[in-house]
Structure formats: C-alpha cells, structure tokens
Amino acid sequence: MTDIKVIIPAFNEADSIAHVINELPKTVSEIIVVNNNSTDDTVKNAKAAGATVLTENKKGYGYACLYGLDYVAKKSKQPDIIVFIDGDYSDYPEELDKVVAPILENDIDFVVGAREKSLREEGSMTPQQVFGNWLATFLMRLFFGAKFTDLGPFRAI
C-alpha cells in the first residue's frame, strides 16, 4: 500500500479545517496540520478531527509548508507521496486520489491540481496573486515548455 502523508498549512481555518480533514480519502496515512499563528480554534478542531498538529511561529505559508516537510523528514520511514492542500476548503480533498494518480500510474514526480478559473469566487485571489500565477505559468511555458494553467495549492510530490 502506498504511504501518503498530507500537509495542511493553516491560519485561522477553524470553520473549515475539520471538514477538509474528514473529506480526505482513508488511503492517507497521516494528516499533518501546521498551525501558523492561528488565533481561533484551528488547533482544537484539527486535533479533534484526528490530525497531527504542529505549530510554526514564523508567519507565512512557505514557512508552514517547510515545517511540515521537516517533520516528515525526521521520521524513520519516509512516505511514498506527500500532498499539500489548503485548510480553507478551496480545493476538494476527496479528489486527492486524482492528484496522486499520475505519480502512481505514470511515475510522475510532481503534480499540481489546477483550479478552474470559471469557478473562482470574486475576491478569492488578490490581483497580485492572479498576476503572479499568470506570470509564473507563462514563464514556465516560455522557458521549459511546461503547460501549467494554474499553480494552485493542491500538490503531490
């Protein structure tokens, strides 16, 4: 059986974190929520839903992701796949199997789940995020021939 660990960076996601955790497929061996200075019940709700909860005090999404990776790296047995997903339910956790399928079936190293632009809620991304996402995917296409349409937070390695 494939060992899959999920890392969820979280900042004030008390209302959605348990929903995200509970919707992840049972094929996941460990769900790791990295609390990033939440001031609400994110920690309490994540623990109640069965997640391993870590705390990264350095503010920022990247710091939370790296803290989760460091935790996994220190384990005696490394997982086959690590998945990142946001704690706000902006992605659909039940689709994890679709995100990891290219890794399992085609020996792909890295998969990015793409969000559908037509389904993006007004104001869900700042203009800087929209531009940065467009610029990054444009440059990846220009320099590497990669055909990414989105660099969303739902990723598998």
C-alpha atoms as a PDB file:
ATOM      1  CA  MET A   1       0.000   0.000   0.000  1.00  0.00           C
ATOM      2  CA  THR A   2       1.245   3.469  -0.866  1.00  0.00           C
ATOM      3  CA  ASP A   3       2.171   5.628   2.136  1.00  0.00           C
ATOM      4  CA  ILE A   4       0.667   9.095   1.655  1.00  0.00           C
ATOM      5  CA  LYS A   5       1.050  11.944   4.130  1.00  0.00           C
ATOM      6  CA  VAL A   6      -0.867  15.210   3.796  1.00  0.00           C
ATOM      7  CA  ILE A   7       0.440  18.568   4.990  1.00  0.00           C
ATOM      8  CA  ILE A   8      -2.102  21.326   5.566  1.00  0.00           C
ATOM      9  CA  PRO A   9      -0.682  24.784   6.337  1.00  0.00           C
ATOM     10  CA  ALA A  10      -3.357  26.582   8.342  1.00  0.00           C
ATOM     11  CA  PHE A  11      -4.003  30.098   9.563  1.00  0.00           C
ATOM     12  CA  ASN A  12      -7.372  30.754  11.213  1.00  0.00           C
ATOM     13  CA  GLU A  13      -9.195  27.902   9.479  1.00  0.00           C
ATOM     14  CA  ALA A  14     -11.332  26.841  12.471  1.00  0.00           C
ATOM     15  CA  ASP A  15     -14.543  26.749  10.433  1.00  0.00           C
ATOM     16  CA  SER A  16     -13.210  24.547   7.633  1.00  0.00           C
ATOM     17  CA  ILE A  17     -10.236  22.510   8.889  1.00  0.00           C
ATOM     18  CA  ALA A  18     -12.231  19.555  10.236  1.00  0.00           C
ATOM     19  CA  HIS A  19     -14.235  19.420   7.008  1.00  0.00           C
ATOM     20  CA  VAL A  20     -11.015  19.252   4.956  1.00  0.00           C
ATOM     21  CA  ILE A  21      -9.549  16.557   7.225  1.00  0.00           C
ATOM     22  CA  ASN A  22     -12.723  14.462   7.193  1.00  0.00           C
ATOM     23  CA  GLU A  23     -13.050  14.615   3.394  1.00  0.00           C
ATOM     24  CA  LEU A  24      -9.540  13.272   2.719  1.00  0.00           C
ATOM     25  CA  PRO A  25      -9.554   9.660   1.490  1.00  0.00           C
ATOM     26  CA  LYS A  26      -8.820   6.941   4.024  1.00  0.00           C
ATOM     27  CA  THR A  27      -5.756   5.971   1.946  1.00  0.00           C
ATOM     28  CA  VAL A  28      -3.881   8.804   3.687  1.00  0.00           C
ATOM     29  CA  SER A  29      -1.623   7.501   6.465  1.00  0.00           C
ATOM     30  CA  GLU A  30      -1.181  10.802   8.332  1.00  0.00           C
ATOM     31  CA  ILE A  31      -2.708  14.251   8.145  1.00  0.00           C
ATOM     32  CA  ILE A  32      -0.380  16.965   9.421  1.00  0.00           C
ATOM     33  CA  VAL A  33      -1.852  20.391  10.117  1.00  0.00           C
ATOM     34  CA  VAL A  34       0.782  23.085  10.543  1.00  0.00           C
ATOM     35  CA  ASN A  35      -0.758  25.854  12.599  1.00  0.00           C
ATOM     36  CA  ASN A  36       0.719  29.174  11.540  1.00  0.00           C
ATOM     37  CA  ASN A  37      -0.174  31.577  14.374  1.00  0.00           C
ATOM     38  CA  SER A  38      -3.921  30.980  14.336  1.00  0.00           C
ATOM     39  CA  THR A  39      -5.927  32.967  16.867  1.00  0.00           C
ATOM     40  CA  ASP A  40      -9.091  30.889  16.543  1.00  0.00           C
ATOM     41  CA  ASP A  41      -9.918  27.213  17.228  1.00  0.00           C
ATOM     42  CA  THR A  42      -7.945  25.818  14.286  1.00  0.00           C
ATOM     43  CA  VAL A  43      -5.681  23.734  16.550  1.00  0.00           C
ATOM     44  CA  LYS A  44      -8.527  22.384  18.672  1.00  0.00           C
ATOM     45  CA  ASN A  45     -10.667  21.491  15.657  1.00  0.00           C
ATOM     46  CA  ALA A  46      -7.785  19.866  13.766  1.00  0.00           C
ATOM     47  CA  LYS A  47      -6.860  17.719  16.772  1.00  0.00           C
ATOM     48  CA  ALA A  48     -10.494  16.737  17.302  1.00  0.00           C
ATOM     49  CA  ALA A  49     -10.667  15.629  13.658  1.00  0.00           C
ATOM     50  CA  GLY A  50      -7.643  13.357  14.197  1.00  0.00           C
ATOM     51  CA  ALA A  51      -4.797  15.319  12.647  1.00  0.00           C
ATOM     52  CA  THR A  52      -1.259  15.598  13.921  1.00  0.00           C
ATOM     53  CA  VAL A  53      -0.934  19.289  14.761  1.00  0.00           C
ATOM     54  CA  LEU A  54       2.361  21.179  14.640  1.00  0.00           C
ATOM     55  CA  THR A  55       2.966  24.865  15.248  1.00  0.00           C
ATOM     56  CA  GLU A  56       5.227  27.067  13.142  1.00  0.00           C
ATOM     57  CA  ASN A  57       5.603  30.512  14.691  1.00  0.00           C
ATOM     58  CA  LYS A  58       7.303  32.116  11.677  1.00  0.00           C
ATOM     59  CA  LYS A  59       4.480  33.722   9.734  1.00  0.00           C
ATOM     60  CA  GLY A  60       3.960  32.658   6.165  1.00  0.00           C
ATOM     61  CA  TYR A  61       2.611  29.850   4.020  1.00  0.00           C
ATOM     62  CA  GLY A  62       6.091  28.777   2.915  1.00  0.00           C
ATOM     63  CA  TYR A  63       7.361  28.512   6.481  1.00  0.00           C
ATOM     64  CA  ALA A  64       4.383  26.346   7.411  1.00  0.00           C
ATOM     65  CA  CYS A  65       4.992  24.045   4.426  1.00  0.00           C
ATOM     66  CA  LEU A  66       8.695  23.732   5.228  1.00  0.00           C
ATOM     67  CA  TYR A  67       7.946  22.982   8.888  1.00  0.00           C
ATOM     68  CA  GLY A  68       5.665  20.146   7.827  1.00  0.00           C
ATOM     69  CA  LEU A  69       8.316  18.806   5.452  1.00  0.00           C
ATOM     70  CA  ASP A  70      10.938  18.969   8.201  1.00  0.00           C
ATOM     71  CA  TYR A  71       8.656  16.955  10.488  1.00  0.00           C
ATOM     72  CA  VAL A  72       8.199  14.296   7.790  1.00  0.00           C
ATOM     73  CA  ALA A  73      11.944  14.240   7.002  1.00  0.00           C
ATOM     74  CA  LYS A  74      12.724  13.356  10.620  1.00  0.00           C
ATOM     75  CA  LYS A  75      10.510  10.265  10.528  1.00  0.00           C
ATOM     76  CA  SER A  76      12.310   6.934  10.436  1.00  0.00           C
ATOM     77  CA  LYS A  77      10.197   5.797   7.468  1.00  0.00           C
ATOM     78  CA  GLN A  78       9.658   8.237   4.603  1.00  0.00           C
ATOM     79  CA  PRO A  79       6.300   8.292   2.822  1.00  0.00           C
ATOM     80  CA  ASP A  80       5.935   7.467  -0.848  1.00  0.00           C
ATOM     81  CA  ILE A  81       3.970  10.655  -1.531  1.00  0.00           C
ATOM     82  CA  ILE A  82       3.482  13.975   0.243  1.00  0.00           C
ATOM     83  CA  VAL A  83       0.404  16.014  -0.605  1.00  0.00           C
ATOM     84  CA  PHE A  84      -0.165  19.679   0.199  1.00  0.00           C
ATOM     85  CA  ILE A  85      -3.667  21.107   0.441  1.00  0.00           C
ATOM     86  CA  ASP A  86      -5.066  24.286   1.947  1.00  0.00           C
ATOM     87  CA  GLY A  87      -7.187  24.211   5.077  1.00  0.00           C
ATOM     88  CA  ASP A  88      -9.897  26.564   3.810  1.00  0.00           C
ATOM     89  CA  TYR A  89     -11.693  24.031   1.588  1.00  0.00           C
ATOM     90  CA  SER A  90     -10.790  25.969  -1.550  1.00  0.00           C
ATOM     91  CA  ASP A  91      -9.812  22.602  -3.032  1.00  0.00           C
ATOM     92  CA  TYR A  92     -11.770  19.367  -2.855  1.00  0.00           C
ATOM     93  CA  PRO A  93      -9.912  16.965  -0.546  1.00  0.00           C
ATOM     94  CA  GLU A  94     -11.885  13.976  -1.827  1.00  0.00           C
ATOM     95  CA  GLU A  95     -10.074  14.437  -5.153  1.00  0.00           C
ATOM     96  CA  LEU A  96      -6.693  13.548  -3.637  1.00  0.00           C
ATOM     97  CA  ASP A  97      -6.711  10.214  -5.460  1.00  0.00           C
ATOM     98  CA  LYS A  98      -6.939  12.083  -8.790  1.00  0.00           C
ATOM     99  CA  VAL A  99      -3.975  14.279  -7.829  1.00  0.00           C
ATOM    100  CA  VAL A 100      -1.734  11.342  -6.865  1.00  0.00           C
ATOM    101  CA  ALA A 101      -2.809   9.103  -9.779  1.00  0.00           C
ATOM    102  CA  PRO A 102      -0.175  10.404 -12.242  1.00  0.00           C
ATOM    103  CA  ILE A 103       2.523   9.625  -9.673  1.00  0.00           C
ATOM    104  CA  LEU A 104       1.260   6.101  -9.096  1.00  0.00           C
ATOM    105  CA  GLU A 105       0.347   5.261 -12.683  1.00  0.00           C
ATOM    106  CA  ASN A 106       2.915   7.144 -14.770  1.00  0.00           C
ATOM    107  CA  ASP A 107       5.901   7.593 -12.456  1.00  0.00           C
ATOM    108  CA  ILE A 108       5.469  11.380 -12.475  1.00  0.00           C
ATOM    109  CA  ASP A 109       7.393  13.249  -9.748  1.00  0.00           C
ATOM    110  CA  PHE A 110       5.239  16.317  -9.187  1.00  0.00           C
ATOM    111  CA  VAL A 111       1.553  17.042  -9.763  1.00  0.00           C
ATOM    112  CA  VAL A 112      -0.243  20.364  -9.355  1.00  0.00           C
ATOM    113  CA  GLY A 113      -4.012  20.378  -9.097  1.00  0.00           C
ATOM    114  CA  ALA A 114      -5.351  23.209 -11.252  1.00  0.00           C
ATOM    115  CA  ARG A 115      -8.283  25.312 -10.118  1.00  0.00           C
ATOM    116  CA  GLU A 116     -10.929  26.130 -12.707  1.00  0.00           C
ATOM    117  CA  LYS A 117     -10.866  29.835 -13.433  1.00  0.00           C
ATOM    118  CA  SER A 118     -14.589  29.859 -14.158  1.00  0.00           C
ATOM    119  CA  LEU A 119     -15.311  28.598 -10.630  1.00  0.00           C
ATOM    120  CA  ARG A 120     -13.093  31.127  -8.833  1.00  0.00           C
ATOM    121  CA  GLU A 121     -15.131  33.263  -6.483  1.00  0.00           C
ATOM    122  CA  GLU A 122     -14.887  37.017  -6.866  1.00  0.00           C
ATOM    123  CA  GLY A 123     -12.205  38.338  -4.496  1.00  0.00           C
ATOM    124  CA  SER A 124     -10.841  34.899  -3.569  1.00  0.00           C
ATOM    125  CA  MET A 125      -7.463  35.860  -5.018  1.00  0.00           C
ATOM    126  CA  THR A 126      -5.852  39.269  -4.799  1.00  0.00           C
ATOM    127  CA  PRO A 127      -4.850  40.966  -8.065  1.00  0.00           C
ATOM    128  CA  GLN A 128      -1.209  40.283  -7.121  1.00  0.00           C
ATOM    129  CA  GLN A 129      -1.956  36.562  -6.758  1.00  0.00           C
ATOM    130  CA  VAL A 130      -3.770  36.435 -10.099  1.00  0.00           C
ATOM    131  CA  PHE A 131      -0.913  38.255 -11.853  1.00  0.00           C
ATOM    132  CA  GLY A 132       1.781  36.193 -10.094  1.00  0.00           C
ATOM    133  CA  ASN A 133       0.056  32.957 -11.046  1.00  0.00           C
ATOM    134  CA  TRP A 134      -0.263  34.094 -14.675  1.00  0.00           C
ATOM    135  CA  LEU A 135       3.362  35.270 -14.788  1.00  0.00           C
ATOM    136  CA  ALA A 136       4.750  32.082 -13.282  1.00  0.00           C
ATOM    137  CA  THR A 137       2.796  29.796 -15.623  1.00  0.00           C
ATOM    138  CA  PHE A 138       3.713  31.993 -18.621  1.00  0.00           C
ATOM    139  CA  LEU A 139       7.431  31.863 -17.773  1.00  0.00           C
ATOM    140  CA  MET A 140       7.325  28.109 -17.185  1.00  0.00           C
ATOM    141  CA  ARG A 141       5.722  27.687 -20.603  1.00  0.00           C
ATOM    142  CA  LEU A 142       8.214  30.075 -22.245  1.00  0.00           C
ATOM    143  CA  PHE A 143      11.400  28.633 -20.716  1.00  0.00           C
ATOM    144  CA  PHE A 144      10.506  24.981 -20.142  1.00  0.00           C
ATOM    145  CA  GLY A 145       7.576  24.219 -22.424  1.00  0.00           C
ATOM    146  CA  ALA A 146       5.527  23.278 -19.346  1.00  0.00           C
ATOM    147  CA  LYS A 147       1.801  23.673 -19.853  1.00  0.00           C
ATOM    148  CA  PHE A 148       0.574  24.693 -16.417  1.00  0.00           C
ATOM    149  CA  THR A 149      -2.626  26.732 -16.299  1.00  0.00           C
ATOM    150  CA  ASP A 150      -2.545  27.286 -12.542  1.00  0.00           C
ATOM    151  CA  LEU A 151      -0.160  26.875  -9.645  1.00  0.00           C
ATOM    152  CA  GLY A 152      -2.760  26.024  -7.044  1.00  0.00           C
ATOM    153  CA  PRO A 153      -2.086  24.827  -3.517  1.00  0.00           C
ATOM    154  CA  PHE A 154      -3.214  21.212  -4.106  1.00  0.00           C
ATOM    155  CA  ARG A 155       0.070  19.460  -4.932  1.00  0.00           C
ATOM    156  CA  ALA A 156       1.582  15.994  -4.705  1.00  0.00           C
ATOM    157  CA  ILE A 157       5.250  15.076  -4.684  1.00  0.00           C
END
